[in-house]
Amino acid sequence: ALPARVTASAPRAVAGVVVELSLGPGPLRVA
């Protein structure tokens, strides 16, 4: 809702879950 793009290896945060957050528009997006 920030909005950030979130890709996670599980639907809920638990130890070991890999998460990639990315912010910014298009080619300026920072992963």
Full PDB file with SEQRES, HELIX, SHEET, SSBOND, CRYST1, ORIGX, SCALE, CONECT and MASTER records, all heavy atoms in Angstrom:
SEQRES   1 A   31  ALA LEU PRO ALA ARG VAL THR ALA SER ALA PRO ARG ALA          
SEQRES   2 A   31  VAL ALA GLY VAL VAL VAL GLU LEU SER LEU GLY PRO GLY          
SEQRES   3 A   31  PRO LEU ARG VAL ALA                                          
HELIX    1 AA1 GLY A   26  LEU A   28  5                                   3    
SHEET    1 AA1 2 ARG A   5  ALA A   8  0                                        
SHEET    2 AA1 2 VAL A  19  SER A  22 -1                                        
CRYST1    1.000    1.000    1.000  90.00  90.00  90.00 P 1           1          
ORIGX1      1.000000  0.000000  0.000000        0.00000                         
ORIGX2      0.000000  1.000000  0.000000        0.00000                         
ORIGX3      0.000000  0.000000  1.000000        0.00000                         
SCALE1      1.000000  0.000000  0.000000        0.00000                         
SCALE2      0.000000  1.000000  0.000000        0.00000                         
SCALE3      0.000000  0.000000  1.000000        0.00000                         
ATOM      1  N   ALA A   1       0.815  -1.220   0.000  1.00  0.00           N  
ATOM      2  CA  ALA A   1       0.000   0.000   0.000  1.00  0.00           C  
ATOM      3  C   ALA A   1       0.847   1.267   0.000  1.00  0.00           C  
ATOM      4  O   ALA A   1       0.300   2.363  -0.092  1.00  0.00           O  
ATOM      5  CB  ALA A   1      -0.946  -0.003   1.208  1.00  0.00           C  
ATOM      6  N   LEU A   2       2.163   1.157   0.071  1.00  0.00           N  
ATOM      7  CA  LEU A   2       3.017   2.362   0.113  1.00  0.00           C  
ATOM      8  C   LEU A   2       2.949   3.237  -1.138  1.00  0.00           C  
ATOM      9  O   LEU A   2       3.033   4.464  -0.989  1.00  0.00           O  
ATOM     10  CB  LEU A   2       4.465   1.967   0.387  1.00  0.00           C  
ATOM     11  CG  LEU A   2       4.750   1.495   1.796  1.00  0.00           C  
ATOM     12  CD1 LEU A   2       6.170   0.989   1.906  1.00  0.00           C  
ATOM     13  CD2 LEU A   2       4.489   2.561   2.817  1.00  0.00           C  
ATOM     14  N   PRO A   3       2.981   2.831  -2.320  1.00  0.00           N  
ATOM     15  CA  PRO A   3       3.000   1.485  -2.867  1.00  0.00           C  
ATOM     16  C   PRO A   3       4.425   1.034  -3.179  1.00  0.00           C  
ATOM     17  O   PRO A   3       5.225   1.778  -3.738  1.00  0.00           O  
ATOM     18  CB  PRO A   3       2.195   1.619  -4.150  1.00  0.00           C  
ATOM     19  CG  PRO A   3       2.482   3.012  -4.617  1.00  0.00           C  
ATOM     20  CD  PRO A   3       2.709   3.829  -3.362  1.00  0.00           C  
ATOM     21  N   ALA A   4       4.709  -0.202  -2.855  1.00  0.00           N  
ATOM     22  CA  ALA A   4       5.949  -0.870  -3.251  1.00  0.00           C  
ATOM     23  C   ALA A   4       5.544  -2.169  -3.932  1.00  0.00           C  
ATOM     24  O   ALA A   4       4.517  -2.754  -3.592  1.00  0.00           O  
ATOM     25  CB  ALA A   4       6.813  -1.169  -2.030  1.00  0.00           C  
ATOM     26  N   ARG A   5       6.320  -2.581  -4.873  1.00  0.00           N  
ATOM     27  CA  ARG A   5       6.101  -3.900  -5.467  1.00  0.00           C  
ATOM     28  C   ARG A   5       6.755  -4.910  -4.523  1.00  0.00           C  
ATOM     29  O   ARG A   5       7.904  -4.729  -4.127  1.00  0.00           O  
ATOM     30  CB  ARG A   5       6.728  -3.970  -6.848  1.00  0.00           C  
ATOM     31  CG  ARG A   5       6.437  -5.313  -7.534  1.00  0.00           C  
ATOM     32  CD  ARG A   5       6.989  -5.369  -8.926  1.00  0.00           C  
ATOM     33  NE  ARG A   5       6.302  -4.384  -9.758  1.00  0.00           N  
ATOM     34  CZ  ARG A   5       6.786  -3.941 -10.922  1.00  0.00           C  
ATOM     35  NH1 ARG A   5       7.936  -4.382 -11.373  1.00  0.00           N  
ATOM     36  NH2 ARG A   5       6.120  -3.067 -11.621  1.00  0.00           N  
ATOM     37  N   VAL A   6       6.007  -5.932  -4.149  1.00  0.00           N  
ATOM     38  CA  VAL A   6       6.507  -6.939  -3.216  1.00  0.00           C  
ATOM     39  C   VAL A   6       6.416  -8.304  -3.870  1.00  0.00           C  
ATOM     40  O   VAL A   6       5.350  -8.717  -4.313  1.00  0.00           O  
ATOM     41  CB  VAL A   6       5.685  -6.950  -1.905  1.00  0.00           C  
ATOM     42  CG1 VAL A   6       6.197  -8.037  -0.961  1.00  0.00           C  
ATOM     43  CG2 VAL A   6       5.705  -5.592  -1.226  1.00  0.00           C  
ATOM     44  N   THR A   7       7.541  -8.995  -3.906  1.00  0.00           N  
ATOM     45  CA  THR A   7       7.579 -10.382  -4.323  1.00  0.00           C  
ATOM     46  C   THR A   7       8.135 -11.150  -3.133  1.00  0.00           C  
ATOM     47  O   THR A   7       9.208 -10.804  -2.630  1.00  0.00           O  
ATOM     48  CB  THR A   7       8.501 -10.575  -5.537  1.00  0.00           C  
ATOM     49  OG1 THR A   7       8.085  -9.686  -6.570  1.00  0.00           O  
ATOM     50  CG2 THR A   7       8.452 -12.000  -6.043  1.00  0.00           C  
ATOM     51  N   ALA A   8       7.388 -12.133  -2.651  1.00  0.00           N  
ATOM     52  CA  ALA A   8       7.819 -12.887  -1.476  1.00  0.00           C  
ATOM     53  C   ALA A   8       7.682 -14.382  -1.734  1.00  0.00           C  
ATOM     54  O   ALA A   8       6.775 -14.806  -2.444  1.00  0.00           O  
ATOM     55  CB  ALA A   8       6.989 -12.483  -0.257  1.00  0.00           C  
ATOM     56  N   SER A   9       8.564 -15.163  -1.129  1.00  0.00           N  
ATOM     57  CA  SER A   9       8.539 -16.613  -1.321  1.00  0.00           C  
ATOM     58  C   SER A   9       7.471 -17.297  -0.464  1.00  0.00           C  
ATOM     59  O   SER A   9       7.300 -18.512  -0.563  1.00  0.00           O  
ATOM     60  CB  SER A   9       9.922 -17.215  -1.027  1.00  0.00           C  
ATOM     61  OG  SER A   9      10.286 -17.012   0.324  1.00  0.00           O  
ATOM     62  N   ALA A  10       6.741 -16.529   0.339  1.00  0.00           N  
ATOM     63  CA  ALA A  10       5.625 -17.044   1.146  1.00  0.00           C  
ATOM     64  C   ALA A  10       4.635 -15.905   1.351  1.00  0.00           C  
ATOM     65  O   ALA A  10       5.003 -14.733   1.259  1.00  0.00           O  
ATOM     66  CB  ALA A  10       6.121 -17.572   2.490  1.00  0.00           C  
ATOM     67  N   PRO A  11       3.372 -16.220   1.626  1.00  0.00           N  
ATOM     68  CA  PRO A  11       2.369 -15.164   1.783  1.00  0.00           C  
ATOM     69  C   PRO A  11       2.466 -14.395   3.100  1.00  0.00           C  
ATOM     70  O   PRO A  11       1.882 -13.333   3.237  1.00  0.00           O  
ATOM     71  CB  PRO A  11       1.038 -15.916   1.704  1.00  0.00           C  
ATOM     72  CG  PRO A  11       1.362 -17.321   2.092  1.00  0.00           C  
ATOM     73  CD  PRO A  11       2.783 -17.554   1.661  1.00  0.00           C  
ATOM     74  N   ARG A  12       3.204 -14.918   4.060  1.00  0.00           N  
ATOM     75  CA  ARG A  12       3.294 -14.303   5.383  1.00  0.00           C  
ATOM     76  C   ARG A  12       4.772 -14.268   5.809  1.00  0.00           C  
ATOM     77  O   ARG A  12       5.539 -15.160   5.483  1.00  0.00           O  
ATOM     78  CB  ARG A  12       2.475 -15.118   6.372  1.00  0.00           C  
ATOM     79  CG  ARG A  12       2.004 -14.368   7.564  1.00  0.00           C  
ATOM     80  CD  ARG A  12       0.813 -15.107   8.201  1.00  0.00           C  
ATOM     81  NE  ARG A  12       0.375 -14.443   9.391  1.00  0.00           N  
ATOM     82  CZ  ARG A  12      -0.536 -13.487   9.440  1.00  0.00           C  
ATOM     83  NH1 ARG A  12      -1.132 -13.087   8.337  1.00  0.00           N  
ATOM     84  NH2 ARG A  12      -0.870 -12.935  10.576  1.00  0.00           N  
ATOM     85  N   ALA A  13       5.150 -13.235   6.538  1.00  0.00           N  
ATOM     86  CA  ALA A  13       6.533 -13.088   6.994  1.00  0.00           C  
ATOM     87  C   ALA A  13       6.862 -14.116   8.067  1.00  0.00           C  
ATOM     88  O   ALA A  13       6.233 -14.143   9.118  1.00  0.00           O  
ATOM     89  CB  ALA A  13       6.755 -11.684   7.541  1.00  0.00           C  
ATOM     90  N   VAL A  14       7.803 -14.974   7.768  1.00  0.00           N  
ATOM     91  CA  VAL A  14       8.401 -15.910   8.728  1.00  0.00           C  
ATOM     92  C   VAL A  14       9.894 -15.946   8.414  1.00  0.00           C  
ATOM     93  O   VAL A  14      10.308 -15.637   7.297  1.00  0.00           O  
ATOM     94  CB  VAL A  14       7.788 -17.332   8.684  1.00  0.00           C  
ATOM     95  CG1 VAL A  14       6.334 -17.332   9.091  1.00  0.00           C  
ATOM     96  CG2 VAL A  14       7.966 -17.978   7.343  1.00  0.00           C  
ATOM     97  N   ALA A  15      10.685 -16.335   9.398  1.00  0.00           N  
ATOM     98  CA  ALA A  15      12.131 -16.387   9.201  1.00  0.00           C  
ATOM     99  C   ALA A  15      12.464 -17.236   7.979  1.00  0.00           C  
ATOM    100  O   ALA A  15      11.924 -18.320   7.792  1.00  0.00           O  
ATOM    101  CB  ALA A  15      12.812 -16.947  10.444  1.00  0.00           C  
ATOM    102  N   GLY A  16      13.343 -16.686   7.135  1.00  0.00           N  
ATOM    103  CA  GLY A  16      13.797 -17.396   5.944  1.00  0.00           C  
ATOM    104  C   GLY A  16      13.100 -16.998   4.664  1.00  0.00           C  
ATOM    105  O   GLY A  16      13.596 -17.295   3.581  1.00  0.00           O  
ATOM    106  N   VAL A  17      11.947 -16.326   4.743  1.00  0.00           N  
ATOM    107  CA  VAL A  17      11.235 -15.909   3.538  1.00  0.00           C  
ATOM    108  C   VAL A  17      12.071 -14.873   2.789  1.00  0.00           C  
ATOM    109  O   VAL A  17      12.586 -13.922   3.375  1.00  0.00           O  
ATOM    110  CB  VAL A  17       9.846 -15.318   3.888  1.00  0.00           C  
ATOM    111  CG1 VAL A  17       9.203 -14.637   2.687  1.00  0.00           C  
ATOM    112  CG2 VAL A  17       8.937 -16.404   4.430  1.00  0.00           C  
ATOM    113  N   VAL A  18      12.227 -15.078   1.488  1.00  0.00           N  
ATOM    114  CA  VAL A  18      12.933 -14.126   0.642  1.00  0.00           C  
ATOM    115  C   VAL A  18      11.913 -13.122   0.120  1.00  0.00           C  
ATOM    116  O   VAL A  18      10.839 -13.499  -0.354  1.00  0.00           O  
ATOM    117  CB  VAL A  18      13.645 -14.837  -0.530  1.00  0.00           C  
ATOM    118  CG1 VAL A  18      14.289 -13.825  -1.472  1.00  0.00           C  
ATOM    119  CG2 VAL A  18      14.679 -15.817  -0.001  1.00  0.00           C  
ATOM    120  N   VAL A  19      12.252 -11.845   0.249  1.00  0.00           N  
ATOM    121  CA  VAL A  19      11.357 -10.762  -0.144  1.00  0.00           C  
ATOM    122  C   VAL A  19      12.141  -9.808  -1.036  1.00  0.00           C  
ATOM    123  O   VAL A  19      13.286  -9.471  -0.735  1.00  0.00           O  
ATOM    124  CB  VAL A  19      10.851  -9.976   1.097  1.00  0.00           C  
ATOM    125  CG1 VAL A  19       9.923  -8.852   0.681  1.00  0.00           C  
ATOM    126  CG2 VAL A  19      10.171 -10.897   2.083  1.00  0.00           C  
ATOM    127  N   GLU A  20      11.530  -9.392  -2.145  1.00  0.00           N  
ATOM    128  CA  GLU A  20      12.118  -8.317  -2.931  1.00  0.00           C  
ATOM    129  C   GLU A  20      11.120  -7.175  -2.955  1.00  0.00           C  
ATOM    130  O   GLU A  20       9.981  -7.340  -3.385  1.00  0.00           O  
ATOM    131  CB  GLU A  20      12.453  -8.744  -4.355  1.00  0.00           C  
ATOM    132  CG  GLU A  20      13.123  -7.592  -5.112  1.00  0.00           C  
ATOM    133  CD  GLU A  20      13.644  -7.980  -6.466  1.00  0.00           C  
ATOM    134  OE1 GLU A  20      14.686  -8.657  -6.518  1.00  0.00           O  
ATOM    135  OE2 GLU A  20      12.999  -7.610  -7.456  1.00  0.00           O  
ATOM    136  N   LEU A  21      11.545  -6.048  -2.427  1.00  0.00           N  
ATOM    137  CA  LEU A  21      10.750  -4.827  -2.464  1.00  0.00           C  
ATOM    138  C   LEU A  21      11.320  -3.966  -3.572  1.00  0.00           C  
ATOM    139  O   LEU A  21      12.539  -3.905  -3.744  1.00  0.00           O  
ATOM    140  CB  LEU A  21      10.857  -4.069  -1.134  1.00  0.00           C  
ATOM    141  CG  LEU A  21      10.434  -4.825   0.107  1.00  0.00           C  
ATOM    142  CD1 LEU A  21      10.821  -4.052   1.355  1.00  0.00           C  
ATOM    143  CD2 LEU A  21       8.947  -5.074   0.078  1.00  0.00           C  
ATOM    144  N   SER A  22      10.469  -3.324  -4.335  1.00  0.00           N  
ATOM    145  CA  SER A  22      10.967  -2.393  -5.339  1.00  0.00           C  
ATOM    146  C   SER A  22      10.086  -1.163  -5.346  1.00  0.00           C  
ATOM    147  O   SER A  22       8.875  -1.233  -5.183  1.00  0.00           O  
ATOM    148  CB  SER A  22      11.069  -3.046  -6.714  1.00  0.00           C  
ATOM    149  OG  SER A  22       9.860  -3.621  -7.113  1.00  0.00           O  
ATOM    150  N   LEU A  23      10.759  -0.036  -5.495  1.00  0.00           N  
ATOM    151  CA  LEU A  23      10.102   1.268  -5.480  1.00  0.00           C  
ATOM    152  C   LEU A  23      10.518   2.057  -6.706  1.00  0.00           C  
ATOM    153  O   LEU A  23      11.633   1.905  -7.192  1.00  0.00           O  
ATOM    154  CB  LEU A  23      10.517   2.063  -4.233  1.00  0.00           C  
ATOM    155  CG  LEU A  23      10.104   1.503  -2.884  1.00  0.00           C  
ATOM    156  CD1 LEU A  23      10.869   2.207  -1.764  1.00  0.00           C  
ATOM    157  CD2 LEU A  23       8.611   1.665  -2.692  1.00  0.00           C  
ATOM    158  N   GLY A  24       9.637   2.923  -7.147  1.00  0.00           N  
ATOM    159  CA  GLY A  24       9.948   3.806  -8.258  1.00  0.00           C  
ATOM    160  C   GLY A  24       9.246   3.380  -9.525  1.00  0.00           C  
ATOM    161  O   GLY A  24       8.831   2.235  -9.664  1.00  0.00           O  
ATOM    162  N   PRO A  25       9.134   4.324 -10.467  1.00  0.00           N  
ATOM    163  CA  PRO A  25       8.451   4.039 -11.725  1.00  0.00           C  
ATOM    164  C   PRO A  25       9.375   3.419 -12.773  1.00  0.00           C  
ATOM    165  O   PRO A  25      10.545   3.775 -12.876  1.00  0.00           O  
ATOM    166  CB  PRO A  25       7.990   5.432 -12.182  1.00  0.00           C  
ATOM    167  CG  PRO A  25       9.026   6.352 -11.619  1.00  0.00           C  
ATOM    168  CD  PRO A  25       9.470   5.737 -10.316  1.00  0.00           C  
ATOM    169  N   GLY A  26       8.841   2.471 -13.515  1.00  0.00           N  
ATOM    170  CA  GLY A  26       9.488   1.888 -14.694  1.00  0.00           C  
ATOM    171  C   GLY A  26      10.982   1.692 -14.603  1.00  0.00           C  
ATOM    172  O   GLY A  26      11.475   0.997 -13.714  1.00  0.00           O  
ATOM    173  N   PRO A  27      11.738   2.346 -15.507  1.00  0.00           N  
ATOM    174  CA  PRO A  27      13.186   2.141 -15.554  1.00  0.00           C  
ATOM    175  C   PRO A  27      13.917   2.733 -14.344  1.00  0.00           C  
ATOM    176  O   PRO A  27      15.077   2.435 -14.115  1.00  0.00           O  
ATOM    177  CB  PRO A  27      13.617   2.829 -16.850  1.00  0.00           C  
ATOM    178  CG  PRO A  27      12.530   3.796 -17.155  1.00  0.00           C  
ATOM    179  CD  PRO A  27      11.268   3.223 -16.578  1.00  0.00           C  
ATOM    180  N   LEU A  28      13.243   3.560 -13.559  1.00  0.00           N  
ATOM    181  CA  LEU A  28      13.854   4.137 -12.360  1.00  0.00           C  
ATOM    182  C   LEU A  28      13.611   3.269 -11.122  1.00  0.00           C  
ATOM    183  O   LEU A  28      14.052   3.602 -10.026  1.00  0.00           O  
ATOM    184  CB  LEU A  28      13.311   5.546 -12.103  1.00  0.00           C  
ATOM    185  CG  LEU A  28      13.552   6.564 -13.215  1.00  0.00           C  
ATOM    186  CD1 LEU A  28      12.911   7.892 -12.871  1.00  0.00           C  
ATOM    187  CD2 LEU A  28      15.039   6.713 -13.483  1.00  0.00           C  
ATOM    188  N   ARG A  29      12.908   2.173 -11.319  1.00  0.00           N  
ATOM    189  CA  ARG A  29      12.579   1.276 -10.198  1.00  0.00           C  
ATOM    190  C   ARG A  29      13.866   0.723  -9.584  1.00  0.00           C  
ATOM    191  O   ARG A  29      14.753   0.269 -10.278  1.00  0.00           O  
ATOM    192  CB  ARG A  29      11.687   0.140 -10.686  1.00  0.00           C  
ATOM    193  CG  ARG A  29      11.219  -0.781  -9.566  1.00  0.00           C  
ATOM    194  CD  ARG A  29      10.153  -1.747 -10.038  1.00  0.00           C  
ATOM    195  NE  ARG A  29       8.930  -1.084 -10.446  1.00  0.00           N  
ATOM    196  CZ  ARG A  29       7.978  -0.662  -9.598  1.00  0.00           C  
ATOM    197  NH1 ARG A  29       8.109  -0.854  -8.320  1.00  0.00           N  
ATOM    198  NH2 ARG A  29       6.898  -0.073 -10.054  1.00  0.00           N  
ATOM    199  N   VAL A  30      13.930   0.782  -8.255  1.00  0.00           N  
ATOM    200  CA  VAL A  30      15.070   0.251  -7.509  1.00  0.00           C  
ATOM    201  C   VAL A  30      14.605  -0.991  -6.756  1.00  0.00           C  
ATOM    202  O   VAL A  30      13.648  -0.930  -5.982  1.00  0.00           O  
ATOM    203  CB  VAL A  30      15.623   1.301  -6.520  1.00  0.00           C  
ATOM    204  CG1 VAL A  30      16.742   0.714  -5.666  1.00  0.00           C  
ATOM    205  CG2 VAL A  30      16.112   2.538  -7.269  1.00  0.00           C  
ATOM    206  N   ALA A  31      15.279  -2.114  -7.008  1.00  0.00           N  
ATOM    207  CA  ALA A  31      14.938  -3.372  -6.343  1.00  0.00           C  
ATOM    208  C   ALA A  31      15.790  -3.543  -5.092  1.00  0.00           C  
ATOM    209  O   ALA A  31      16.958  -3.166  -5.071  1.00  0.00           O  
ATOM    210  CB  ALA A  31      15.168  -4.540  -7.295  1.00  0.00           C  
TER     211      ALA A  31                                                      
MASTER        0    0    0    1    2    0    0    6  210    1    0    3          
END                                                                             
